[in-house]
């Protein structure tokens, strides 16, 4: 088990997450699982081969960094309402299997369990992510957290509050936060399509077209090409959501 953990999480191309609050959280879990005193540093410094490359230059953020960052954020959302829902766990399992395979997913679930038992400061974690991950990828991290909270088709207020805190910590704009949230409010909000395009129902047809082009550019999957397959898939989903919102407004207005 220890050898496999090293393969999947310590030598798997990790960079910035090996230091700072994310590294500290992982250190507690992995130290316990590996039953070893050799662990990641808990003082925020980067271990050899971590966030600092030879010559002192920062390492490029890797897809593995994004996956591990998301795992920590998942723990923050899953634990906030005091219990883990089956629908949430099923969604996370699918994510882990796609990214790590069956064996890696089992090990990742053990790490997630350890993270759920910890007191994690979401603001410290998001600050570290913000410094190392581009805006488009941070949007897709938030997108996954919305999926997680909505996995049973019912948002818990405590989960939404946590996602909003995480969004603020990631410096996601309020308009982008509302645009993502709108995709989950189609049955409750008659103006969801306008929110998704970051405009109001009073927008002209030309303004609707401009908003669609702007949002399609913002959420183009190529923006997260280096963040891994999962983030690319989330960007595709958002891109499709933008198209759906645009077609919805066009149908309402009889636009060509």
Protein backbone atom coordinates (compact mmCIF):
# COMPACT_ATOMS: atom_id res chain seq x y z
CA UNK A 1 0.00 0.00 0.00
CA UNK A 2 2.75 2.45 0.91
CA UNK A 3 4.48 1.82 -2.41
CA UNK A 4 1.26 2.45 -4.34
CA UNK A 5 0.53 5.61 -2.39
CA UNK A 6 3.98 6.89 -3.31
CA UNK A 7 3.32 6.05 -6.94
CA UNK A 8 -0.03 7.79 -7.19
CA UNK A 9 0.34 10.78 -4.93
CA UNK A 10 3.95 11.59 -4.09
CA UNK A 11 5.77 10.84 -7.33
CA UNK A 12 2.89 11.44 -9.72
CA UNK A 13 4.05 14.79 -11.05
CA UNK A 14 2.93 16.80 -8.04
CA UNK A 15 4.26 20.32 -7.66
CA UNK A 16 2.86 23.19 -5.64
CA UNK A 17 0.48 21.05 -3.55
CA UNK A 18 3.41 19.43 -1.73
CA UNK A 19 3.91 22.63 0.25
CA UNK A 20 1.61 25.08 2.03
CA UNK A 21 -1.74 24.18 3.65
CA UNK A 22 -2.58 21.54 1.04
CA UNK A 23 0.72 19.77 1.64
CA UNK A 24 0.18 20.02 5.38
CA UNK A 25 -3.26 18.39 5.11
CA UNK A 26 -1.90 15.61 2.90
CA UNK A 27 1.05 15.08 5.23
CA UNK A 28 -1.19 14.25 8.18
CA UNK A 29 -3.18 11.72 6.16
CA UNK A 30 -0.32 10.06 4.31
CA UNK A 31 1.86 9.88 7.41
CA UNK A 32 -0.90 7.96 9.16
CA UNK A 33 -1.50 5.66 6.19
CA UNK A 34 2.15 4.89 5.58
CA UNK A 35 3.00 4.57 9.27
CA UNK A 36 6.20 6.49 8.72
CA UNK A 37 7.88 9.53 10.19
CA UNK A 38 9.03 10.58 6.73
CA UNK A 39 6.26 12.82 5.50
CA UNK A 40 5.59 16.00 3.66
CA UNK A 41 6.62 19.13 5.59
CA UNK A 42 3.87 20.75 7.63
CA UNK A 43 5.47 24.17 7.82
CA UNK A 44 4.51 25.21 4.30
CA UNK A 45 7.97 24.61 2.84
CA UNK A 46 8.45 22.62 -0.34
CA UNK A 47 10.18 19.24 -0.13
CA UNK A 48 12.83 18.21 -2.62
CA UNK A 49 11.14 17.82 -5.99
CA UNK A 50 8.19 19.93 -4.83
CA UNK A 51 7.22 23.43 -5.81
CA UNK A 52 10.79 24.66 -6.21
CA UNK A 53 12.89 23.41 -9.08
CA UNK A 54 16.66 23.65 -9.37
CA UNK A 55 17.78 27.26 -9.43
CA UNK A 56 14.83 28.36 -7.29
CA UNK A 57 12.31 28.76 -10.12
CA UNK A 58 8.74 27.66 -9.44
CA UNK A 59 7.58 24.42 -11.07
CA UNK A 60 4.79 24.56 -13.60
CA UNK A 61 1.41 23.53 -12.21
CA UNK A 62 0.63 19.94 -13.20
CA UNK A 63 -2.75 18.25 -13.80
CA UNK A 64 -2.02 16.16 -10.69
CA UNK A 65 -1.84 19.37 -8.63
CA UNK A 66 -5.33 20.31 -9.84
CA UNK A 67 -6.73 16.87 -9.00
CA UNK A 68 -5.28 16.88 -5.49
CA UNK A 69 -6.44 20.47 -4.91
CA UNK A 70 -9.93 19.44 -5.94
CA UNK A 71 -9.80 16.47 -3.54
CA UNK A 72 -9.16 18.86 -0.64
CA UNK A 73 -11.97 21.19 -1.75
CA UNK A 74 -14.29 18.18 -2.08
CA UNK A 75 -13.59 17.33 1.56
CA UNK A 76 -14.47 20.90 2.61
CA UNK A 77 -17.87 20.69 0.88
CA UNK A 78 -18.73 17.10 1.83
CA UNK A 79 -18.14 17.57 5.55
CA UNK A 80 -19.79 20.97 6.02
CA UNK A 81 -23.32 19.63 6.61
CA UNK A 82 -22.12 17.02 9.11
CA UNK A 83 -22.60 13.88 7.02
CA UNK A 84 -21.49 12.37 3.73
CA UNK A 85 -24.30 11.59 1.31
CA UNK A 86 -24.25 8.45 -0.83
CA UNK A 87 -24.89 10.46 -4.01
CA UNK A 88 -21.90 12.67 -3.23
CA UNK A 89 -19.67 9.69 -2.57
CA UNK A 90 -20.77 7.98 -5.79
CA UNK A 91 -19.93 11.09 -7.82
CA UNK A 92 -16.51 11.37 -6.18
CA UNK A 93 -15.80 7.67 -6.76
CA UNK A 94 -16.53 8.08 -10.49
CA UNK A 95 -14.18 11.07 -10.61
CA UNK A 96 -11.41 9.15 -8.85
CA UNK A 97 -11.75 6.02 -11.00
CA UNK A 98 -11.52 8.13 -14.17
CA UNK A 99 -8.39 9.87 -12.90
CA UNK A 100 -6.54 7.14 -10.97
CA UNK A 101 -8.01 3.80 -12.06
CA UNK A 102 -9.63 1.29 -9.74
CA UNK A 103 -6.65 0.73 -7.42
CA UNK A 104 -5.68 4.38 -7.32
CA UNK A 105 -9.30 5.34 -6.59
CA UNK A 106 -9.36 3.08 -3.52
CA UNK A 107 -6.22 4.74 -2.20
CA UNK A 108 -7.56 8.20 -3.02
CA UNK A 109 -10.75 7.42 -1.10
CA UNK A 110 -8.64 6.56 1.92
CA UNK A 111 -6.93 9.92 1.62
CA UNK A 112 -10.30 11.63 1.25
CA UNK A 113 -11.51 9.88 4.41
CA UNK A 114 -8.47 11.23 6.23
CA UNK A 115 -9.14 14.72 4.90
CA UNK A 116 -12.75 14.51 6.08
CA UNK A 117 -11.47 13.86 9.60
CA UNK A 118 -9.33 17.01 9.58
CA UNK A 119 -10.09 20.64 10.29
CA UNK A 120 -9.18 22.27 6.98
CA UNK A 121 -9.14 26.03 6.51
CA UNK A 122 -10.79 26.57 3.09
CA UNK A 123 -9.47 30.13 2.87
CA UNK A 124 -5.85 29.02 3.31
CA UNK A 125 -6.33 26.25 0.74
CA UNK A 126 -8.00 28.50 -1.82
CA UNK A 127 -5.29 31.13 -1.38
CA UNK A 128 -2.67 28.52 -2.30
CA UNK A 129 -4.70 27.36 -5.31
CA UNK A 130 -5.27 30.93 -6.49
CA UNK A 131 -1.53 31.58 -6.53
CA UNK A 132 -0.80 28.55 -8.71
CA UNK A 133 -3.85 27.82 -10.89
CA UNK A 134 -5.20 29.98 -13.70
CA UNK A 135 -8.66 31.56 -13.55
CA UNK A 136 -10.31 29.28 -16.13
CA UNK A 137 -9.24 26.17 -14.22
CA UNK A 138 -10.42 27.67 -10.93
CA UNK A 139 -13.82 28.18 -12.53
CA UNK A 140 -13.97 24.49 -13.39
CA UNK A 141 -12.96 23.50 -9.86
CA UNK A 142 -15.96 25.51 -8.69
CA UNK A 143 -18.10 23.86 -11.38
CA UNK A 144 -17.26 20.41 -9.99
CA UNK A 145 -18.16 21.54 -6.46
CA UNK A 146 -21.59 22.65 -7.70
CA UNK A 147 -22.03 19.19 -9.24
CA UNK A 148 -21.03 17.64 -5.94
CA UNK A 149 -23.52 19.69 -3.90
CA UNK A 150 -26.25 18.98 -6.46
CA UNK A 151 -25.51 15.25 -6.74
CA UNK A 152 -28.80 14.43 -5.00
CA UNK A 153 -30.63 17.22 -6.88
CA UNK A 154 -31.00 19.24 -3.71
CA UNK A 155 -28.55 21.90 -2.55
CA UNK A 156 -27.99 22.04 1.19
CA UNK A 157 -27.75 25.63 2.38
CA UNK A 158 -24.55 24.88 4.31
CA UNK A 159 -22.95 23.45 1.16
CA UNK A 160 -23.90 26.49 -0.89
CA UNK A 161 -22.42 28.75 1.76
CA UNK A 162 -19.18 26.77 1.70
CA UNK A 163 -19.04 26.89 -2.11
CA UNK A 164 -19.59 30.64 -1.98
CA UNK A 165 -16.71 30.98 0.50
CA UNK A 166 -14.49 28.85 -1.73
CA UNK A 167 -15.51 30.93 -4.74
CA UNK A 168 -14.52 34.13 -2.96
CA UNK A 169 -11.24 32.56 -1.83
CA UNK A 170 -10.48 31.59 -5.43
CA UNK A 171 -11.26 35.20 -6.49
CA UNK A 172 -14.07 34.09 -8.80
CA UNK A 173 -16.10 37.13 -9.79
CA UNK A 174 -19.66 37.35 -8.38
CA UNK A 175 -20.99 37.40 -11.96
CA UNK A 176 -19.17 34.18 -12.85
CA UNK A 177 -20.37 32.56 -9.62
CA UNK A 178 -23.99 33.44 -10.46
CA UNK A 179 -23.53 32.27 -14.05
CA UNK A 180 -22.43 28.83 -12.84
CA UNK A 181 -25.17 28.64 -10.21
CA UNK A 182 -27.80 29.56 -12.83
CA UNK A 183 -27.25 26.28 -14.67
CA UNK A 184 -28.60 24.45 -11.60
CA UNK A 185 -31.65 26.69 -11.19
CA UNK A 186 -33.47 26.08 -14.47
CA UNK A 187 -36.63 24.87 -12.74
CA UNK A 188 -36.62 27.56 -10.06
CA UNK A 189 -35.48 30.70 -11.86
CA UNK A 190 -37.28 31.76 -15.07
CA UNK A 191 -34.35 34.06 -15.84
CA UNK A 192 -31.66 31.38 -15.46
CA UNK A 193 -30.54 31.69 -19.08
CA UNK A 194 -29.86 35.42 -18.69
CA UNK A 195 -27.90 34.79 -15.49
CA UNK A 196 -25.88 32.11 -17.29
CA UNK A 197 -24.90 34.67 -19.94
CA UNK A 198 -24.28 37.35 -17.28
CA UNK A 199 -26.94 39.71 -18.65
CA UNK A 200 -30.44 40.81 -17.62
CA UNK A 201 -33.79 40.13 -19.34
CA UNK A 202 -33.73 43.77 -20.47
CA UNK A 203 -30.74 43.15 -22.76
CA UNK A 204 -31.25 43.82 -26.47
CA UNK A 205 -30.94 41.04 -29.01
CA UNK A 206 -27.55 42.38 -30.03
CA UNK A 207 -26.42 42.42 -26.40
CA UNK A 208 -27.57 38.80 -26.04
CA UNK A 209 -25.43 37.81 -29.04
CA UNK A 210 -22.41 39.67 -27.70
CA UNK A 211 -22.86 38.09 -24.27
CA UNK A 212 -23.02 34.63 -25.82
CA UNK A 213 -19.82 35.18 -27.79
CA UNK A 214 -18.06 36.53 -24.70
CA UNK A 215 -19.14 33.62 -22.49
CA UNK A 216 -18.38 31.03 -25.17
CA UNK A 217 -14.86 32.42 -25.36
CA UNK A 218 -14.47 32.48 -21.57
CA UNK A 219 -15.54 28.85 -21.16
CA UNK A 220 -13.92 27.40 -24.25
CA UNK A 221 -12.43 24.01 -23.27
CA UNK A 222 -9.06 25.03 -24.70
CA UNK A 223 -8.70 27.42 -21.75
CA UNK A 224 -8.08 24.44 -19.44
CA UNK A 225 -6.18 22.24 -21.86
CA UNK A 226 -3.30 21.74 -19.42
CA UNK A 227 -5.41 21.01 -16.34
CA UNK A 228 -6.26 17.39 -17.10
CA UNK A 229 -9.13 15.49 -18.69
CA UNK A 230 -11.60 16.03 -15.84
CA UNK A 231 -11.34 19.83 -16.01
CA UNK A 232 -11.58 19.67 -19.79
CA UNK A 233 -14.82 17.70 -19.47
CA UNK A 234 -16.23 20.22 -16.97
CA UNK A 235 -15.37 23.05 -19.37
CA UNK A 236 -17.18 21.19 -22.14
CA UNK A 237 -20.26 20.87 -19.91
CA UNK A 238 -20.21 24.58 -19.14
CA UNK A 239 -19.70 25.37 -22.83
CA UNK A 240 -22.78 23.27 -23.63
CA UNK A 241 -24.68 25.04 -20.85
CA UNK A 242 -23.85 28.41 -22.42
CA UNK A 243 -25.17 27.15 -25.75
CA UNK A 244 -28.34 25.87 -24.08
CA UNK A 245 -28.92 29.24 -22.39
CA UNK A 246 -28.43 31.07 -25.68
CA UNK A 247 -30.81 28.77 -27.56
CA UNK A 248 -33.36 29.15 -24.75
CA UNK A 249 -33.32 32.95 -25.05
CA UNK A 250 -33.40 32.81 -28.86
CA UNK A 251 -36.49 30.57 -28.73
CA UNK A 252 -38.20 32.89 -26.23
CA UNK A 253 -37.54 35.93 -28.37
CA UNK A 254 -37.89 34.35 -31.79
CA UNK A 255 -34.34 35.38 -32.64
CA UNK A 256 -32.58 34.05 -35.71
